[in-house]
Amino acid sequence: MSTDVSDGPPHPSRAGRDLRAALAVGLGLGAAIVASLLTLPELFIGIVAVAAAVSTVELAGAFRRGAGIRVALPPVFLGGQTMIWLSWPFGLQGAVIAFAITTLGCLVWRLRLSADGYLRDVAASVFTSAYVSLFACFAALLVVPEDGGFRGLCFMLGVVASDTGGYASGVFLGRHPMAPRVSPNKSWEGFGGSLLTGVLIGALSVSLLLGGAWWEGMLFGAALVGSSTIGDLMESLIKRDLDIKDMGNLLPGHGGLMDRMDSLLPSAMVAWMVLSWLVPA
């Protein structure tokens, strides 16, 4: 029988993905994001808003499928969009005020149903608002300054470098699991690859794009590797708790959009915080 991968259905990689589909989707999304950052950063905020909207719906659906938890989707969805768009003209204060109003909306919306599961549903609703939309606000905040396009590009390059370095090292060198009960495919060798590529790309991007020192870029890259790894492990725990494989099936080779946002969401907050400290606008 022929072993040519072009015959028959696509074969998964050693990491369990359809690698060709994953690469095609990843490159397409990456090209759109880079184009927006280099031409019109405000368009990047729109991409962030759409990604947060889709991820919110996916996470709410996962809660419903996996545990019967009813997220207050209307206030969470609308409040999340308000957070992101208010962060553009009003900064962090606008996002926090919108988050507080969204939390109140979740409490009120759930009143229409019985007391059974009230606390559980409200907690999941507020969690969804914070985990998706509030974290996503920091990606929008990155591009507000005059050099915001380059700041957003440093953020995206750092996370992609961490994910790509970790994936390649884990596939070819992975021997020692980092957290076998949480994510069996994640290894210490993969983390080493993430750290190497993340620090290198961080040093290059921060120094060349933002005029920062090389050591500042290394700190930035290392911080993003840490937040990306933690974000990946957090989402793995959520999926294990809900007993689901993927958050959705929107992206071939990736699962749902939320399955690609896991490392980006916490890293957006870390990127904004570290760059505001090291290379203030």
C-alpha atoms as a PDB file:
ATOM      1  CA  MET A   1       0.000   0.000   0.000  1.00  0.00           C
ATOM      2  CA  SER A   2       1.292   3.468  -0.843  1.00  0.00           C
ATOM      3  CA  THR A   3       2.569   5.615   2.003  1.00  0.00           C
ATOM      4  CA  ASP A   4       2.287   8.868   0.074  1.00  0.00           C
ATOM      5  CA  VAL A   5       0.496  11.349   2.329  1.00  0.00           C
ATOM      6  CA  SER A   6      -1.292  12.797  -0.688  1.00  0.00           C
ATOM      7  CA  ASP A   7      -3.363   9.607  -1.023  1.00  0.00           C
ATOM      8  CA  GLY A   8      -6.457   9.387   1.146  1.00  0.00           C
ATOM      9  CA  PRO A   9      -7.466  11.665   4.025  1.00  0.00           C
ATOM     10  CA  PRO A  10      -4.961  13.947   5.723  1.00  0.00           C
ATOM     11  CA  HIS A  11      -2.810  12.299   8.370  1.00  0.00           C
ATOM     12  CA  PRO A  12      -2.279  13.825  11.799  1.00  0.00           C
ATOM     13  CA  SER A  13       1.186  14.813  12.884  1.00  0.00           C
ATOM     14  CA  ARG A  14       3.021  13.326  15.831  1.00  0.00           C
ATOM     15  CA  ALA A  15       1.435  16.071  17.945  1.00  0.00           C
ATOM     16  CA  GLY A  16      -2.052  14.893  16.969  1.00  0.00           C
ATOM     17  CA  ARG A  17      -2.965  17.567  14.399  1.00  0.00           C
ATOM     18  CA  ASP A  18      -3.577  17.721  10.690  1.00  0.00           C
ATOM     19  CA  LEU A  19      -0.345  19.685  10.267  1.00  0.00           C
ATOM     20  CA  ARG A  20      -1.001  20.936   6.726  1.00  0.00           C
ATOM     21  CA  ALA A  21      -4.417  22.330   7.617  1.00  0.00           C
ATOM     22  CA  ALA A  22      -3.058  23.824  10.833  1.00  0.00           C
ATOM     23  CA  LEU A  23      -0.228  25.574   8.967  1.00  0.00           C
ATOM     24  CA  ALA A  24      -2.554  26.929   6.288  1.00  0.00           C
ATOM     25  CA  VAL A  25      -4.995  28.338   8.826  1.00  0.00           C
ATOM     26  CA  GLY A  26      -2.216  29.724  11.021  1.00  0.00           C
ATOM     27  CA  LEU A  27      -0.456  31.454   8.124  1.00  0.00           C
ATOM     28  CA  GLY A  28      -3.698  32.956   6.858  1.00  0.00           C
ATOM     29  CA  LEU A  29      -4.674  34.363  10.242  1.00  0.00           C
ATOM     30  CA  GLY A  30      -1.134  35.579  10.861  1.00  0.00           C
ATOM     31  CA  ALA A  31      -0.987  37.415   7.542  1.00  0.00           C
ATOM     32  CA  ALA A  32      -4.249  39.238   8.262  1.00  0.00           C
ATOM     33  CA  ILE A  33      -3.069  40.279  11.736  1.00  0.00           C
ATOM     34  CA  VAL A  34       0.354  41.483  10.558  1.00  0.00           C
ATOM     35  CA  ALA A  35      -1.218  43.424   7.697  1.00  0.00           C
ATOM     36  CA  SER A  36      -3.573  45.212  10.089  1.00  0.00           C
ATOM     37  CA  LEU A  37      -0.766  46.081  12.516  1.00  0.00           C
ATOM     38  CA  LEU A  38       1.465  47.499   9.783  1.00  0.00           C
ATOM     39  CA  THR A  39      -1.242  49.479   7.983  1.00  0.00           C
ATOM     40  CA  LEU A  40      -4.116  50.424  10.289  1.00  0.00           C
ATOM     41  CA  PRO A  41      -3.803  49.430  13.962  1.00  0.00           C
ATOM     42  CA  GLU A  42      -7.467  50.297  14.532  1.00  0.00           C
ATOM     43  CA  LEU A  43      -8.301  47.394  12.227  1.00  0.00           C
ATOM     44  CA  PHE A  44      -6.378  45.146  14.602  1.00  0.00           C
ATOM     45  CA  ILE A  45      -8.780  46.182  17.382  1.00  0.00           C
ATOM     46  CA  GLY A  46     -11.616  45.027  15.135  1.00  0.00           C
ATOM     47  CA  ILE A  47      -9.903  41.666  14.659  1.00  0.00           C
ATOM     48  CA  VAL A  48      -9.474  41.402  18.434  1.00  0.00           C
ATOM     49  CA  ALA A  49     -13.169  42.183  18.933  1.00  0.00           C
ATOM     50  CA  VAL A  50     -14.272  39.527  16.437  1.00  0.00           C
ATOM     51  CA  ALA A  51     -11.916  36.940  17.933  1.00  0.00           C
ATOM     52  CA  ALA A  52     -13.225  37.703  21.434  1.00  0.00           C
ATOM     53  CA  ALA A  53     -16.826  37.410  20.239  1.00  0.00           C
ATOM     54  CA  VAL A  54     -16.269  34.006  18.631  1.00  0.00           C
ATOM     55  CA  SER A  55     -14.230  32.761  21.607  1.00  0.00           C
ATOM     56  CA  THR A  56     -16.946  33.882  24.018  1.00  0.00           C
ATOM     57  CA  VAL A  57     -19.589  31.902  22.151  1.00  0.00           C
ATOM     58  CA  GLU A  58     -17.310  28.854  21.972  1.00  0.00           C
ATOM     59  CA  LEU A  59     -16.473  28.918  25.682  1.00  0.00           C
ATOM     60  CA  ALA A  60     -20.126  29.389  26.642  1.00  0.00           C
ATOM     61  CA  GLY A  61     -21.044  26.437  24.410  1.00  0.00           C
ATOM     62  CA  ALA A  62     -18.315  24.313  25.984  1.00  0.00           C
ATOM     63  CA  PHE A  63     -19.649  25.074  29.465  1.00  0.00           C
ATOM     64  CA  ARG A  64     -23.125  24.068  28.346  1.00  0.00           C
ATOM     65  CA  ARG A  65     -22.029  20.838  26.608  1.00  0.00           C
ATOM     66  CA  GLY A  66     -19.567  19.714  29.226  1.00  0.00           C
ATOM     67  CA  ALA A  67     -21.274  20.610  32.499  1.00  0.00           C
ATOM     68  CA  GLY A  68     -24.724  22.031  31.777  1.00  0.00           C
ATOM     69  CA  ILE A  69     -23.545  25.487  32.912  1.00  0.00           C
ATOM     70  CA  ARG A  70     -25.593  28.351  31.489  1.00  0.00           C
ATOM     71  CA  VAL A  71     -23.438  31.381  30.766  1.00  0.00           C
ATOM     72  CA  ALA A  72     -25.421  34.629  30.587  1.00  0.00           C
ATOM     73  CA  LEU A  73     -24.427  35.046  26.957  1.00  0.00           C
ATOM     74  CA  PRO A  74     -26.207  38.332  26.039  1.00  0.00           C
ATOM     75  CA  PRO A  75     -24.584  40.478  28.772  1.00  0.00           C
ATOM     76  CA  VAL A  76     -21.275  38.611  28.462  1.00  0.00           C
ATOM     77  CA  PHE A  77     -21.193  39.031  24.684  1.00  0.00           C
ATOM     78  CA  LEU A  78     -22.301  42.679  24.570  1.00  0.00           C
ATOM     79  CA  GLY A  79     -20.281  43.605  27.644  1.00  0.00           C
ATOM     80  CA  GLY A  80     -17.181  42.032  26.151  1.00  0.00           C
ATOM     81  CA  GLN A  81     -17.460  44.060  22.986  1.00  0.00           C
ATOM     82  CA  THR A  82     -18.023  47.201  25.044  1.00  0.00           C
ATOM     83  CA  MET A  83     -14.877  46.485  27.092  1.00  0.00           C
ATOM     84  CA  ILE A  84     -12.710  46.147  24.003  1.00  0.00           C
ATOM     85  CA  TRP A  85     -14.005  49.177  22.148  1.00  0.00           C
ATOM     86  CA  LEU A  86     -14.012  51.456  25.223  1.00  0.00           C
ATOM     87  CA  SER A  87     -10.390  50.522  25.908  1.00  0.00           C
ATOM     88  CA  TRP A  88      -9.428  52.308  22.694  1.00  0.00           C
ATOM     89  CA  PRO A  89     -10.527  55.886  23.614  1.00  0.00           C
ATOM     90  CA  PHE A  90     -10.669  55.553  27.422  1.00  0.00           C
ATOM     91  CA  GLY A  91      -7.841  53.137  28.179  1.00  0.00           C
ATOM     92  CA  LEU A  92      -7.806  50.691  31.044  1.00  0.00           C
ATOM     93  CA  GLN A  93     -10.347  52.711  33.024  1.00  0.00           C
ATOM     94  CA  GLY A  94     -12.955  52.270  30.300  1.00  0.00           C
ATOM     95  CA  ALA A  95     -12.347  48.525  30.150  1.00  0.00           C
ATOM     96  CA  VAL A  96     -12.613  48.089  33.934  1.00  0.00           C
ATOM     97  CA  ILE A  97     -15.834  50.113  34.171  1.00  0.00           C
ATOM     98  CA  ALA A  98     -17.343  48.083  31.325  1.00  0.00           C
ATOM     99  CA  PHE A  99     -16.286  44.859  33.079  1.00  0.00           C
ATOM    100  CA  ALA A 100     -17.981  45.962  36.307  1.00  0.00           C
ATOM    101  CA  ILE A 101     -21.194  46.763  34.423  1.00  0.00           C
ATOM    102  CA  THR A 102     -20.979  43.413  32.623  1.00  0.00           C
ATOM    103  CA  THR A 103     -20.666  41.612  35.973  1.00  0.00           C
ATOM    104  CA  LEU A 104     -23.774  43.373  37.239  1.00  0.00           C
ATOM    105  CA  GLY A 105     -25.554  42.447  34.024  1.00  0.00           C
ATOM    106  CA  CYS A 106     -24.686  38.761  34.561  1.00  0.00           C
ATOM    107  CA  LEU A 107     -26.094  38.868  38.090  1.00  0.00           C
ATOM    108  CA  VAL A 108     -29.328  40.464  36.914  1.00  0.00           C
ATOM    109  CA  TRP A 109     -29.764  38.342  33.764  1.00  0.00           C
ATOM    110  CA  ARG A 110     -29.629  35.091  35.711  1.00  0.00           C
ATOM    111  CA  LEU A 111     -32.436  36.265  38.048  1.00  0.00           C
ATOM    112  CA  ARG A 112     -35.043  35.217  35.488  1.00  0.00           C
ATOM    113  CA  LEU A 113     -34.288  31.529  36.114  1.00  0.00           C
ATOM    114  CA  SER A 114     -34.570  29.421  39.262  1.00  0.00           C
ATOM    115  CA  ALA A 115     -32.155  29.563  42.194  1.00  0.00           C
ATOM    116  CA  ASP A 116     -30.790  26.147  41.231  1.00  0.00           C
ATOM    117  CA  GLY A 117     -27.274  26.715  39.875  1.00  0.00           C
ATOM    118  CA  TYR A 118     -27.445  30.518  40.215  1.00  0.00           C
ATOM    119  CA  LEU A 119     -24.009  30.922  41.777  1.00  0.00           C
ATOM    120  CA  ARG A 120     -22.460  28.391  39.382  1.00  0.00           C
ATOM    121  CA  ASP A 121     -23.867  30.077  36.278  1.00  0.00           C
ATOM    122  CA  VAL A 122     -22.989  33.605  37.410  1.00  0.00           C
ATOM    123  CA  ALA A 123     -19.449  32.540  38.329  1.00  0.00           C
ATOM    124  CA  ALA A 124     -18.979  30.969  34.883  1.00  0.00           C
ATOM    125  CA  SER A 125     -20.380  34.100  33.217  1.00  0.00           C
ATOM    126  CA  VAL A 126     -18.041  36.459  35.066  1.00  0.00           C
ATOM    127  CA  PHE A 127     -15.145  34.067  34.449  1.00  0.00           C
ATOM    128  CA  THR A 128     -15.880  34.080  30.712  1.00  0.00           C
ATOM    129  CA  SER A 129     -15.979  37.882  30.675  1.00  0.00           C
ATOM    130  CA  ALA A 130     -12.637  38.151  32.451  1.00  0.00           C
ATOM    131  CA  TYR A 131     -10.847  35.267  30.744  1.00  0.00           C
ATOM    132  CA  VAL A 132     -11.793  36.270  27.207  1.00  0.00           C
ATOM    133  CA  SER A 133     -12.843  39.896  26.888  1.00  0.00           C
ATOM    134  CA  LEU A 134     -10.939  41.558  29.724  1.00  0.00           C
ATOM    135  CA  PHE A 135      -7.691  39.865  28.710  1.00  0.00           C
ATOM    136  CA  ALA A 136      -8.412  40.746  25.063  1.00  0.00           C
ATOM    137  CA  CYS A 137      -8.673  44.432  26.053  1.00  0.00           C
ATOM    138  CA  PHE A 138      -4.936  44.472  26.687  1.00  0.00           C
ATOM    139  CA  ALA A 139      -4.285  43.483  23.077  1.00  0.00           C
ATOM    140  CA  ALA A 140      -6.326  46.515  22.045  1.00  0.00           C
ATOM    141  CA  LEU A 141      -4.479  48.708  24.554  1.00  0.00           C
ATOM    142  CA  LEU A 142      -1.156  47.695  23.012  1.00  0.00           C
ATOM    143  CA  VAL A 143      -1.929  49.452  19.731  1.00  0.00           C
ATOM    144  CA  VAL A 144      -3.287  52.712  21.187  1.00  0.00           C
ATOM    145  CA  PRO A 145       0.127  54.550  21.423  1.00  0.00           C
ATOM    146  CA  GLU A 146       1.748  56.120  18.369  1.00  0.00           C
ATOM    147  CA  ASP A 147       4.016  53.091  17.967  1.00  0.00           C
ATOM    148  CA  GLY A 148       1.159  50.731  18.798  1.00  0.00           C
ATOM    149  CA  GLY A 149       1.418  48.766  15.559  1.00  0.00           C
ATOM    150  CA  PHE A 150       4.968  47.755  16.426  1.00  0.00           C
ATOM    151  CA  ARG A 151       3.965  46.969  20.014  1.00  0.00           C
ATOM    152  CA  GLY A 152       1.242  44.675  18.782  1.00  0.00           C
ATOM    153  CA  LEU A 153       3.679  43.073  16.359  1.00  0.00           C
ATOM    154  CA  CYS A 154       6.178  42.393  19.169  1.00  0.00           C
ATOM    155  CA  PHE A 155       3.384  40.741  21.135  1.00  0.00           C
ATOM    156  CA  MET A 156       2.257  38.541  18.256  1.00  0.00           C
ATOM    157  CA  LEU A 157       5.800  37.585  17.242  1.00  0.00           C
ATOM    158  CA  GLY A 158       6.660  36.659  20.818  1.00  0.00           C
ATOM    159  CA  VAL A 159       3.663  34.367  21.287  1.00  0.00           C
ATOM    160  CA  VAL A 160       4.068  32.744  17.875  1.00  0.00           C
ATOM    161  CA  ALA A 161       7.776  32.174  18.530  1.00  0.00           C
ATOM    162  CA  SER A 162       6.989  30.563  21.875  1.00  0.00           C
ATOM    163  CA  ASP A 163       4.285  28.304  20.435  1.00  0.00           C
ATOM    164  CA  THR A 164       6.299  27.347  17.339  1.00  0.00           C
ATOM    165  CA  GLY A 165       9.531  26.686  19.222  1.00  0.00           C
ATOM    166  CA  GLY A 166       7.719  24.643  21.825  1.00  0.00           C
ATOM    167  CA  TYR A 167       5.778  22.650  19.236  1.00  0.00           C
ATOM    168  CA  ALA A 168       8.858  21.775  17.164  1.00  0.00           C
ATOM    169  CA  SER A 169      11.024  20.909  20.157  1.00  0.00           C
ATOM    170  CA  GLY A 170       8.248  18.901  21.759  1.00  0.00           C
ATOM    171  CA  VAL A 171       7.563  16.850  18.643  1.00  0.00           C
ATOM    172  CA  PHE A 172      11.184  15.965  17.906  1.00  0.00           C
ATOM    173  CA  LEU A 173      12.842  16.063  21.333  1.00  0.00           C
ATOM    174  CA  GLY A 174      10.057  15.732  23.877  1.00  0.00           C
ATOM    175  CA  ARG A 175      10.795  13.014  26.442  1.00  0.00           C
ATOM    176  CA  HIS A 176       9.947  14.417  29.865  1.00  0.00           C
ATOM    177  CA  PRO A 177       6.307  15.503  30.405  1.00  0.00           C
ATOM    178  CA  MET A 178       5.847  18.861  32.073  1.00  0.00           C
ATOM    179  CA  ALA A 179       2.327  18.257  33.406  1.00  0.00           C
ATOM    180  CA  PRO A 180       1.202  14.733  32.397  1.00  0.00           C
ATOM    181  CA  ARG A 181      -2.134  14.992  34.220  1.00  0.00           C
ATOM    182  CA  VAL A 182      -2.985  18.241  32.470  1.00  0.00           C
ATOM    183  CA  SER A 183      -1.391  18.161  28.999  1.00  0.00           C
ATOM    184  CA  PRO A 184       0.437  14.908  28.152  1.00  0.00           C
ATOM    185  CA  ASN A 185       1.976  16.347  24.963  1.00  0.00           C
ATOM    186  CA  LYS A 186       3.646  19.263  26.742  1.00  0.00           C
ATOM    187  CA  SER A 187       7.251  18.466  27.673  1.00  0.00           C
ATOM    188  CA  TRP A 188      10.157  20.194  29.364  1.00  0.00           C
ATOM    189  CA  GLU A 189      12.104  19.893  26.126  1.00  0.00           C
ATOM    190  CA  GLY A 190       9.283  21.752  24.392  1.00  0.00           C
ATOM    191  CA  PHE A 191       9.371  24.431  27.064  1.00  0.00           C
ATOM    192  CA  GLY A 192      13.113  24.785  26.473  1.00  0.00           C
ATOM    193  CA  GLY A 193      12.452  25.312  22.771  1.00  0.00           C
ATOM    194  CA  SER A 194       9.799  27.919  23.609  1.00  0.00           C
ATOM    195  CA  LEU A 195      12.199  29.747  25.877  1.00  0.00           C
ATOM    196  CA  LEU A 196      14.997  29.751  23.313  1.00  0.00           C
ATOM    197  CA  THR A 197      12.893  31.047  20.427  1.00  0.00           C
ATOM    198  CA  GLY A 198      10.842  33.398  22.590  1.00  0.00           C
ATOM    199  CA  VAL A 199      13.856  35.105  24.125  1.00  0.00           C
ATOM    200  CA  LEU A 200      15.585  35.396  20.738  1.00  0.00           C
ATOM    201  CA  ILE A 201      12.582  36.877  18.957  1.00  0.00           C
ATOM    202  CA  GLY A 202      11.852  39.115  21.951  1.00  0.00           C
ATOM    203  CA  ALA A 203      15.366  40.558  21.881  1.00  0.00           C
ATOM    204  CA  LEU A 204      15.223  41.169  18.127  1.00  0.00           C
ATOM    205  CA  SER A 205      11.707  42.596  17.965  1.00  0.00           C
ATOM    206  CA  VAL A 206      11.930  44.946  20.950  1.00  0.00           C
ATOM    207  CA  SER A 207      15.342  46.296  19.911  1.00  0.00           C
ATOM    208  CA  LEU A 208      14.582  46.660  16.194  1.00  0.00           C
ATOM    209  CA  LEU A 209      10.937  47.752  16.326  1.00  0.00           C
ATOM    210  CA  LEU A 210      10.716  49.712  19.591  1.00  0.00           C
ATOM    211  CA  GLY A 211      14.304  50.842  20.112  1.00  0.00           C
ATOM    212  CA  GLY A 212      14.598  49.034  23.428  1.00  0.00           C
ATOM    213  CA  ALA A 213      17.697  47.337  24.806  1.00  0.00           C
ATOM    214  CA  TRP A 214      18.382  43.733  23.860  1.00  0.00           C
ATOM    215  CA  TRP A 215      18.114  42.619  27.489  1.00  0.00           C
ATOM    216  CA  GLU A 216      14.705  44.284  27.756  1.00  0.00           C
ATOM    217  CA  GLY A 217      13.612  42.257  24.755  1.00  0.00           C
ATOM    218  CA  MET A 218      14.920  39.081  26.376  1.00  0.00           C
ATOM    219  CA  LEU A 219      12.898  39.787  29.522  1.00  0.00           C
ATOM    220  CA  PHE A 220       9.858  40.519  27.369  1.00  0.00           C
ATOM    221  CA  GLY A 221      10.266  37.281  25.439  1.00  0.00           C
ATOM    222  CA  ALA A 222      10.775  35.208  28.594  1.00  0.00           C
ATOM    223  CA  ALA A 223       7.652  36.744  30.152  1.00  0.00           C
ATOM    224  CA  LEU A 224       5.587  35.841  27.080  1.00  0.00           C
ATOM    225  CA  VAL A 225       6.900  32.274  27.130  1.00  0.00           C
ATOM    226  CA  GLY A 226       5.763  31.961  30.734  1.00  0.00           C
ATOM    227  CA  SER A 227       2.317  33.441  30.098  1.00  0.00           C
ATOM    228  CA  SER A 228       1.829  31.416  26.886  1.00  0.00           C
ATOM    229  CA  THR A 229       2.702  28.169  28.660  1.00  0.00           C
ATOM    230  CA  ILE A 230       0.450  28.942  31.609  1.00  0.00           C
ATOM    231  CA  GLY A 231      -2.380  29.939  29.267  1.00  0.00           C
ATOM    232  CA  ASP A 232      -2.078  26.654  27.378  1.00  0.00           C
ATOM    233  CA  LEU A 233      -2.121  24.645  30.609  1.00  0.00           C
ATOM    234  CA  MET A 234      -5.090  26.606  31.957  1.00  0.00           C
ATOM    235  CA  GLU A 235      -7.212  25.866  28.902  1.00  0.00           C
ATOM    236  CA  SER A 236      -6.183  22.205  29.014  1.00  0.00           C
ATOM    237  CA  LEU A 237      -7.431  22.055  32.601  1.00  0.00           C
ATOM    238  CA  ILE A 238     -10.729  23.662  31.609  1.00  0.00           C
ATOM    239  CA  LYS A 239     -11.233  21.134  28.816  1.00  0.00           C
ATOM    240  CA  ARG A 240     -10.330  18.233  31.091  1.00  0.00           C
ATOM    241  CA  ASP A 241     -12.735  19.484  33.736  1.00  0.00           C
ATOM    242  CA  LEU A 242     -15.488  19.732  31.104  1.00  0.00           C
ATOM    243  CA  ASP A 243     -14.409  16.414  29.511  1.00  0.00           C
ATOM    244  CA  ILE A 244     -14.198  17.856  25.992  1.00  0.00           C
ATOM    245  CA  LYS A 245     -11.433  17.644  23.378  1.00  0.00           C
ATOM    246  CA  ASP A 246     -11.771  21.053  21.703  1.00  0.00           C
ATOM    247  CA  MET A 247     -13.691  24.249  22.380  1.00  0.00           C
ATOM    248  CA  GLY A 248     -15.082  24.128  18.841  1.00  0.00           C
ATOM    249  CA  ASN A 249     -14.379  23.066  15.267  1.00  0.00           C
ATOM    250  CA  LEU A 250     -14.168  26.377  13.433  1.00  0.00           C
ATOM    251  CA  LEU A 251     -10.506  26.107  12.378  1.00  0.00           C
ATOM    252  CA  PRO A 252      -9.320  22.974  10.527  1.00  0.00           C
ATOM    253  CA  GLY A 253      -6.312  21.445  12.256  1.00  0.00           C
ATOM    254  CA  HIS A 254      -6.742  23.674  15.317  1.00  0.00           C
ATOM    255  CA  GLY A 255     -10.193  23.005  16.772  1.00  0.00           C
ATOM    256  CA  GLY A 256     -12.053  26.111  17.848  1.00  0.00           C
ATOM    257  CA  LEU A 257     -10.753  29.671  17.792  1.00  0.00           C
ATOM    258  CA  MET A 258     -10.621  29.562  21.576  1.00  0.00           C
ATOM    259  CA  ASP A 259      -8.149  26.676  21.266  1.00  0.00           C
ATOM    260  CA  ARG A 260      -5.751  29.126  19.552  1.00  0.00           C
ATOM    261  CA  MET A 261      -6.510  32.019  21.910  1.00  0.00           C
ATOM    262  CA  ASP A 262      -5.396  30.160  25.032  1.00  0.00           C
ATOM    263  CA  SER A 263      -1.819  31.447  24.938  1.00  0.00           C
ATOM    264  CA  LEU A 264      -2.688  34.845  23.425  1.00  0.00           C
ATOM    265  CA  LEU A 265      -5.205  36.012  26.027  1.00  0.00           C
ATOM    266  CA  PRO A 266      -3.044  36.039  29.182  1.00  0.00           C
ATOM    267  CA  SER A 267      -0.021  37.034  27.103  1.00  0.00           C
ATOM    268  CA  ALA A 268      -1.773  40.207  25.937  1.00  0.00           C
ATOM    269  CA  MET A 269      -1.971  41.419  29.529  1.00  0.00           C
ATOM    270  CA  VAL A 270       1.646  40.416  30.207  1.00  0.00           C
ATOM    271  CA  ALA A 271       2.875  42.087  26.990  1.00  0.00           C
ATOM    272  CA  TRP A 272       1.088  45.357  27.789  1.00  0.00           C
ATOM    273  CA  MET A 273       2.358  45.350  31.372  1.00  0.00           C
ATOM    274  CA  VAL A 274       5.984  44.488  30.555  1.00  0.00           C
ATOM    275  CA  LEU A 275       6.269  46.895  27.613  1.00  0.00           C
ATOM    276  CA  SER A 276       4.664  49.698  29.645  1.00  0.00           C
ATOM    277  CA  TRP A 277       7.350  49.132  32.263  1.00  0.00           C
ATOM    278  CA  LEU A 278      10.399  48.507  30.062  1.00  0.00           C
ATOM    279  CA  VAL A 279       9.680  50.585  26.940  1.00  0.00           C
ATOM    280  CA  PRO A 280       7.029  53.167  27.845  1.00  0.00           C
ATOM    281  CA  ALA A 281       5.319  54.925  24.944  1.00  0.00           C
END
